[in-house]
Amino acid sequence: MIPPRKARGFMKHLTVGVFHDDALCRELGKKNSESDIAMFSRKLDDRIFTFMYPVEDKLTPKSQIISSIDAAVVEFPGITRELGETAVMLDAIALSNGIAVTSPYVTSDQITAITKNTSLKSFAVGERDTIGILQTLKSFQPRRDTASSTIVVVDHSFSVKGVGEVILGFVRKGVVRKYDKLTLLPANKEVIVRSIQMQDEDYDEAEAGSRVGLAIKGATVDEMKRGSLLCASDAVKTSTDLNLSFKKSPFYSDDVREGVFHATVGMQTVPITITEASSTLIQFASEKPIAYTTQDAFLILDLNATKTRIMGRASPQT
């Protein structure tokens, strides 16, 4: 029997969102799963890529993808609301690693003009060339925080006969190890990591940036829904009432007002009730606890808006 391997220093991982070109995502990797988010993977030399795109370009899964990626590949098929919302959210989280793909309808000069006042101005601009895109993605070296307490973000969970409860997700910070005791939030349950897999191989540990499958003891599939966090107990906060710094999107045409809206943080999207808002602060409540860290960005969404549905970005006050 081949013993499990340590992941440290073995393979580099990059999580990439692909927007406005579903066929390109299928060309870049092999399909792993599809719900409202389709996931693909590819191993290339010393790098494992995970590609994600929002099925039917729905706003909620798109916001979850954008909150979770290291880099983006954005095709510019035309000047549409959907493209504008993608750019606004990428800029809100200050993502600067990416590729802007030209089309017959949008030239490289037009892309430069569109993105010049956003974080997308740092994106490489090029044609729709799979090999070239992969080579550019290989050059990205996102910073990894392996020294902090462990945080794993859940995107899927299910039961496997003979194994038990399994989650798929991303190691956001630290290093997750076999037999670790972690806290599942917001369910607030102690769980044990029974085993770790990456690319169908067993490992003893996986560090920040890795996409993992974890066999979990101590919680049910329903308690480990998308957006849940497996973490050291001191690494994450939970709350139903938040006071956050706020920056309104210049493209959101309405006033930020009291009422029911939505917030995405990590891979959690929850209904919220805004109780107070100003040009720099926002206060809201949710029926269920939200798990977050002080470094997280909250995307505030108005799903009923007729124009841009991105209200702005909120951040925990320090």
Protein backbone atom coordinates (compact mmCIF):
# COMPACT_ATOMS: atom_id res chain seq x y z
CA MET A 1 0.00 0.00 0.00
CA ILE A 2 1.37 3.43 -0.99
CA PRO A 3 1.39 5.73 2.06
CA PRO A 4 -0.28 9.17 1.81
CA ARG A 5 2.00 12.01 0.80
CA LYS A 6 2.55 15.36 2.35
CA ALA A 7 1.30 18.20 0.17
CA ARG A 8 3.81 20.80 1.27
CA GLY A 9 5.96 21.85 -1.69
CA PHE A 10 4.48 19.20 -3.95
CA MET A 11 2.02 20.94 -6.27
CA LYS A 12 1.00 24.55 -6.73
CA HIS A 13 -2.71 25.37 -6.95
CA LEU A 14 -4.55 28.18 -8.70
CA THR A 15 -8.31 28.79 -8.57
CA VAL A 16 -9.63 30.66 -11.61
CA GLY A 17 -13.04 32.13 -12.39
CA VAL A 18 -14.04 32.08 -16.06
CA PHE A 19 -16.71 34.56 -17.12
CA HIS A 20 -18.84 35.05 -20.25
CA ASP A 21 -17.39 32.07 -22.16
CA ASP A 22 -18.63 28.70 -20.89
CA ALA A 23 -17.04 26.84 -23.80
CA LEU A 24 -13.61 28.21 -22.87
CA CYS A 25 -13.92 26.76 -19.38
CA ARG A 26 -14.61 23.33 -20.89
CA GLU A 27 -11.53 23.70 -23.08
CA LEU A 28 -9.32 24.68 -20.17
CA GLY A 29 -10.13 21.72 -17.94
CA LYS A 30 -12.00 18.48 -17.31
CA LYS A 31 -15.43 18.75 -15.72
CA ASN A 32 -15.66 17.73 -12.06
CA SER A 33 -19.18 18.86 -11.16
CA GLU A 34 -22.02 21.15 -12.17
CA SER A 35 -24.84 22.75 -10.21
CA ASP A 36 -25.30 26.52 -10.39
CA ILE A 37 -21.49 26.53 -10.44
CA ALA A 38 -19.58 24.35 -12.90
CA MET A 39 -16.12 23.20 -11.85
CA PHE A 40 -13.28 21.93 -14.01
CA SER A 41 -9.70 20.96 -13.22
CA ARG A 42 -6.42 20.50 -15.03
CA LYS A 43 -2.97 19.35 -13.95
CA LEU A 44 -0.20 21.01 -15.92
CA ASP A 45 3.45 20.45 -15.00
CA ASP A 46 3.73 21.45 -11.33
CA ARG A 47 0.39 23.27 -11.21
CA ILE A 48 -3.18 22.17 -10.49
CA PHE A 49 -5.83 24.54 -11.86
CA THR A 50 -9.43 24.68 -10.69
CA PHE A 51 -11.72 26.55 -13.10
CA MET A 52 -15.20 27.74 -12.13
CA TYR A 53 -17.95 29.49 -14.03
CA PRO A 54 -21.50 30.49 -13.05
CA VAL A 55 -24.08 28.45 -14.96
CA GLU A 56 -26.41 30.77 -16.89
CA ASP A 57 -24.34 33.70 -15.56
CA LYS A 58 -26.52 33.96 -12.45
CA LEU A 59 -25.49 36.75 -10.10
CA THR A 60 -25.44 34.87 -6.78
CA PRO A 61 -23.09 32.03 -7.81
CA LYS A 62 -21.00 34.53 -9.75
CA SER A 63 -20.51 36.62 -6.60
CA GLN A 64 -19.51 33.46 -4.70
CA ILE A 65 -16.95 32.53 -7.34
CA ILE A 66 -15.51 36.04 -7.43
CA SER A 67 -15.15 36.02 -3.64
CA SER A 68 -13.10 32.80 -3.78
CA ILE A 69 -10.68 32.96 -6.72
CA ASP A 70 -7.00 33.75 -7.22
CA ALA A 71 -7.39 34.92 -10.82
CA ALA A 72 -10.04 35.57 -13.48
CA VAL A 73 -10.41 35.02 -17.20
CA VAL A 74 -13.01 37.43 -18.58
CA GLU A 75 -14.14 37.43 -22.17
CA PHE A 76 -15.52 40.78 -23.35
CA PRO A 77 -18.35 39.70 -25.68
CA GLY A 78 -19.95 43.15 -25.72
CA ILE A 79 -20.83 45.95 -23.33
CA THR A 80 -23.61 44.33 -21.30
CA ARG A 81 -24.96 44.64 -17.77
CA GLU A 82 -23.61 41.17 -16.94
CA LEU A 83 -20.10 42.11 -18.04
CA GLY A 84 -20.32 45.36 -16.10
CA GLU A 85 -21.36 43.52 -12.94
CA THR A 86 -18.47 41.09 -13.32
CA ALA A 87 -16.01 43.98 -13.62
CA VAL A 88 -17.56 45.85 -10.67
CA MET A 89 -17.31 42.81 -8.37
CA LEU A 90 -13.76 41.96 -9.44
CA ASP A 91 -12.77 45.56 -8.76
CA ALA A 92 -14.59 45.52 -5.40
CA ILE A 93 -12.36 42.70 -4.16
CA ALA A 94 -9.33 44.34 -5.83
CA LEU A 95 -8.47 41.30 -7.95
CA SER A 96 -5.52 42.20 -10.19
CA ASN A 97 -4.45 38.78 -11.51
CA GLY A 98 -6.39 38.00 -14.65
CA ILE A 99 -6.78 37.86 -18.39
CA ALA A 100 -9.16 39.98 -20.48
CA VAL A 101 -10.09 38.16 -23.69
CA THR A 102 -10.93 40.17 -26.78
CA SER A 103 -13.81 39.34 -29.12
CA PRO A 104 -15.01 40.53 -32.54
CA TYR A 105 -17.10 43.10 -30.69
CA VAL A 106 -14.57 44.48 -28.17
CA THR A 107 -10.96 45.27 -29.08
CA SER A 108 -7.93 45.44 -26.81
CA ASP A 109 -8.01 49.26 -26.96
CA GLN A 110 -11.64 49.27 -25.84
CA ILE A 111 -10.83 46.88 -22.97
CA THR A 112 -8.02 49.19 -21.85
CA ALA A 113 -10.43 52.13 -21.85
CA ILE A 114 -13.13 50.20 -19.96
CA THR A 115 -10.80 48.89 -17.23
CA LYS A 116 -8.44 51.84 -16.75
CA ASN A 117 -9.93 52.97 -13.43
CA THR A 118 -10.35 49.49 -11.96
CA SER A 119 -8.16 46.66 -10.66
CA LEU A 120 -8.71 44.99 -14.05
CA LYS A 121 -6.25 47.45 -15.59
CA SER A 122 -3.52 44.98 -14.52
CA PHE A 123 -5.10 42.11 -16.48
CA ALA A 124 -3.21 40.72 -19.45
CA VAL A 125 -5.18 41.40 -22.65
CA GLY A 126 -5.17 38.86 -25.45
CA GLU A 127 -7.05 36.73 -27.90
CA ARG A 128 -9.01 33.57 -27.12
CA ASP A 129 -6.09 31.13 -27.17
CA THR A 130 -6.27 28.24 -24.70
CA ILE A 131 -2.55 27.49 -24.70
CA GLY A 132 -1.64 31.15 -24.27
CA ILE A 133 -4.18 31.56 -21.46
CA LEU A 134 -2.77 28.56 -19.58
CA GLN A 135 0.77 29.85 -19.93
CA THR A 136 -0.25 33.25 -18.58
CA LEU A 137 -2.09 31.65 -15.68
CA LYS A 138 1.03 29.64 -14.82
CA SER A 139 2.90 32.91 -14.30
CA PHE A 140 0.56 34.05 -11.50
CA GLN A 141 1.97 33.54 -8.01
CA PRO A 142 -0.67 34.52 -5.44
CA ARG A 143 0.48 34.92 -1.87
CA ARG A 144 -0.40 32.02 0.41
CA ASP A 145 -0.85 32.38 4.15
CA THR A 146 0.29 29.05 5.57
CA ALA A 147 1.23 30.45 8.98
CA SER A 148 -2.24 31.49 10.16
CA SER A 149 -4.86 29.25 11.74
CA THR A 150 -6.59 26.84 9.38
CA ILE A 151 -9.64 27.92 7.39
CA VAL A 152 -11.29 25.67 4.77
CA VAL A 153 -14.19 27.03 2.68
CA VAL A 154 -16.85 24.44 1.74
CA ASP A 155 -18.39 24.53 -1.74
CA HIS A 156 -19.99 21.06 -1.91
CA SER A 157 -20.88 18.31 0.57
CA PHE A 158 -22.27 14.80 0.15
CA SER A 159 -22.28 11.29 1.62
CA VAL A 160 -20.15 8.49 0.20
CA LYS A 161 -20.95 4.87 0.98
CA GLY A 162 -18.22 3.36 3.10
CA VAL A 163 -16.60 6.75 3.70
CA GLY A 164 -19.27 8.92 5.30
CA GLU A 165 -19.66 12.68 4.99
CA VAL A 166 -17.36 14.40 2.51
CA ILE A 167 -16.80 18.07 1.71
CA LEU A 168 -15.13 19.65 -1.27
CA GLY A 169 -13.57 23.03 -0.78
CA PHE A 170 -10.54 25.28 -0.69
CA VAL A 171 -7.92 25.69 2.01
CA ARG A 172 -8.04 29.44 2.44
CA LYS A 173 -5.47 29.82 5.20
CA GLY A 174 -3.05 27.68 7.13
CA VAL A 175 -2.54 23.95 6.71
CA VAL A 176 -5.21 21.29 7.18
CA ARG A 177 -3.94 17.95 8.45
CA LYS A 178 -5.36 14.49 8.78
CA TYR A 179 -7.01 14.02 12.20
CA ASP A 180 -7.27 17.78 12.81
CA LYS A 181 -10.06 18.81 15.15
CA LEU A 182 -11.76 21.86 13.69
CA THR A 183 -14.87 23.94 14.29
CA LEU A 184 -17.60 23.96 11.66
CA LEU A 185 -19.17 27.41 11.35
CA PRO A 186 -21.80 28.77 11.38
CA ALA A 187 -23.20 25.41 12.63
CA ASN A 188 -20.78 25.65 15.59
CA LYS A 189 -19.90 21.95 15.76
CA GLU A 190 -16.57 20.26 16.42
CA VAL A 191 -15.51 17.96 13.60
CA ILE A 192 -12.55 15.71 12.82
CA VAL A 193 -10.78 15.46 9.45
CA ARG A 194 -10.65 11.73 8.77
CA SER A 195 -8.84 11.88 5.44
CA ILE A 196 -7.61 14.30 2.77
CA GLN A 197 -7.67 13.87 -1.01
CA MET A 198 -6.45 16.01 -3.88
CA GLN A 199 -6.83 14.89 -7.49
CA ASP A 200 -8.00 11.46 -6.20
CA GLU A 201 -4.78 10.90 -4.25
CA ASP A 202 -4.49 10.64 -0.45
CA TYR A 203 -2.44 13.17 1.50
CA ASP A 204 -1.54 13.78 5.12
CA GLU A 205 -1.92 17.56 4.78
CA ALA A 206 -2.86 20.33 2.38
CA GLU A 207 -1.84 23.94 2.60
CA ALA A 208 -3.42 27.28 1.72
CA GLY A 209 -4.56 27.50 -1.89
CA SER A 210 -5.28 23.79 -2.28
CA ARG A 211 -8.60 22.37 -3.46
CA VAL A 212 -9.37 19.38 -1.27
CA GLY A 213 -11.82 16.63 -0.56
CA LEU A 214 -12.11 15.98 3.17
CA ALA A 215 -13.86 13.07 4.87
CA ILE A 216 -15.44 14.58 7.97
CA LYS A 217 -16.69 13.07 11.23
CA GLY A 218 -19.00 15.01 13.50
CA ALA A 219 -21.42 16.84 11.19
CA THR A 220 -24.09 16.06 8.63
CA VAL A 221 -24.17 17.07 4.98
CA ASP A 222 -26.96 19.56 5.72
CA GLU A 223 -24.78 21.25 8.33
CA MET A 224 -21.86 21.58 5.90
CA LYS A 225 -23.56 23.62 3.19
CA ARG A 226 -21.77 25.81 0.67
CA GLY A 227 -20.07 28.71 2.40
CA SER A 228 -19.53 26.89 5.69
CA LEU A 229 -16.06 27.18 7.18
CA LEU A 230 -13.94 24.49 8.82
CA CYS A 231 -11.52 26.36 11.01
CA ALA A 232 -9.57 26.74 14.20
CA SER A 233 -11.99 28.09 16.77
CA ASP A 234 -10.21 31.45 17.09
CA ALA A 235 -9.85 32.13 13.34
CA VAL A 236 -13.41 33.11 12.39
CA LYS A 237 -16.22 35.25 13.81
CA THR A 238 -19.96 34.66 13.54
CA SER A 239 -22.74 37.19 13.93
CA THR A 240 -26.30 38.01 12.92
CA ASP A 241 -25.79 41.78 13.36
CA LEU A 242 -22.93 43.56 11.63
CA ASN A 243 -21.64 47.13 11.45
CA LEU A 244 -19.28 47.48 8.50
CA SER A 245 -17.35 50.09 6.59
CA PHE A 246 -19.03 50.62 3.23
CA LYS A 247 -18.10 51.89 -0.21
CA LYS A 248 -20.98 52.32 -2.60
CA SER A 249 -20.48 51.29 -6.22
CA PRO A 250 -20.53 54.36 -8.48
CA PHE A 251 -22.57 52.29 -10.96
CA TYR A 252 -25.43 51.54 -8.55
CA SER A 253 -28.06 54.10 -9.50
CA ASP A 254 -30.33 53.93 -6.43
CA ASP A 255 -29.73 55.23 -2.93
CA VAL A 256 -28.55 52.67 -0.40
CA ARG A 257 -31.54 52.40 1.87
CA GLU A 258 -33.16 50.31 4.56
CA GLY A 259 -34.76 47.08 3.36
CA VAL A 260 -34.12 43.47 2.42
CA PHE A 261 -31.13 42.76 0.19
CA HIS A 262 -28.38 40.10 -0.04
CA ALA A 263 -24.75 39.85 1.00
CA THR A 264 -22.05 37.51 -0.27
CA VAL A 265 -18.95 36.80 1.79
CA GLY A 266 -16.76 33.93 0.72
CA MET A 267 -19.16 31.33 -0.67
CA GLN A 268 -22.03 32.39 1.61
CA THR A 269 -24.89 34.41 0.15
CA VAL A 270 -27.57 35.33 2.68
CA PRO A 271 -30.61 37.63 2.82
CA ILE A 272 -29.93 40.66 4.97
CA THR A 273 -32.01 43.52 6.32
CA ILE A 274 -30.22 46.85 6.11
CA THR A 275 -31.20 48.88 9.17
CA GLU A 276 -28.90 51.86 8.67
CA ALA A 277 -26.69 53.10 5.84
CA SER A 278 -24.54 56.10 5.03
CA SER A 279 -21.86 56.93 2.50
CA THR A 280 -19.23 55.15 4.61
CA LEU A 281 -21.06 52.79 6.98
CA ILE A 282 -23.68 50.07 6.72
CA GLN A 283 -25.53 48.14 9.41
CA PHE A 284 -27.52 45.00 8.70
CA ALA A 285 -29.01 41.91 10.30
CA SER A 286 -29.48 38.35 9.06
CA GLU A 287 -31.75 35.58 10.32
CA LYS A 288 -28.88 33.05 10.46
CA PRO A 289 -25.31 33.61 11.65
CA ILE A 290 -22.73 34.71 9.06
CA ALA A 291 -19.18 33.33 9.39
CA TYR A 292 -16.42 35.75 8.41
CA THR A 293 -12.92 37.03 9.17
CA THR A 294 -11.79 40.60 9.68
CA GLN A 295 -10.06 40.50 6.26
CA ASP A 296 -13.20 39.54 4.33
CA ALA A 297 -14.95 41.65 1.74
CA PHE A 298 -18.76 41.60 1.69
CA LEU A 299 -20.47 42.19 -1.66
CA ILE A 300 -23.84 43.85 -1.06
CA LEU A 301 -26.38 42.90 -3.74
CA ASP A 302 -29.74 44.27 -4.85
CA LEU A 303 -31.16 41.37 -6.85
CA ASN A 304 -34.22 43.41 -7.87
CA ALA A 305 -32.36 46.37 -9.35
CA THR A 306 -33.14 47.06 -12.99
CA LYS A 307 -29.60 48.19 -13.78
CA THR A 308 -26.39 47.26 -11.96
CA ARG A 309 -27.25 45.01 -9.01
CA ILE A 310 -23.97 45.53 -7.12
CA MET A 311 -24.62 48.05 -4.35
CA GLY A 312 -21.05 48.11 -3.09
CA ARG A 313 -18.41 46.54 -0.89
CA ALA A 314 -18.48 46.34 2.90
CA SER A 315 -15.58 45.48 5.21
CA PRO A 316 -15.30 44.71 8.92
CA GLN A 317 -14.14 47.78 10.83
CA THR A 318 -10.68 47.54 12.35
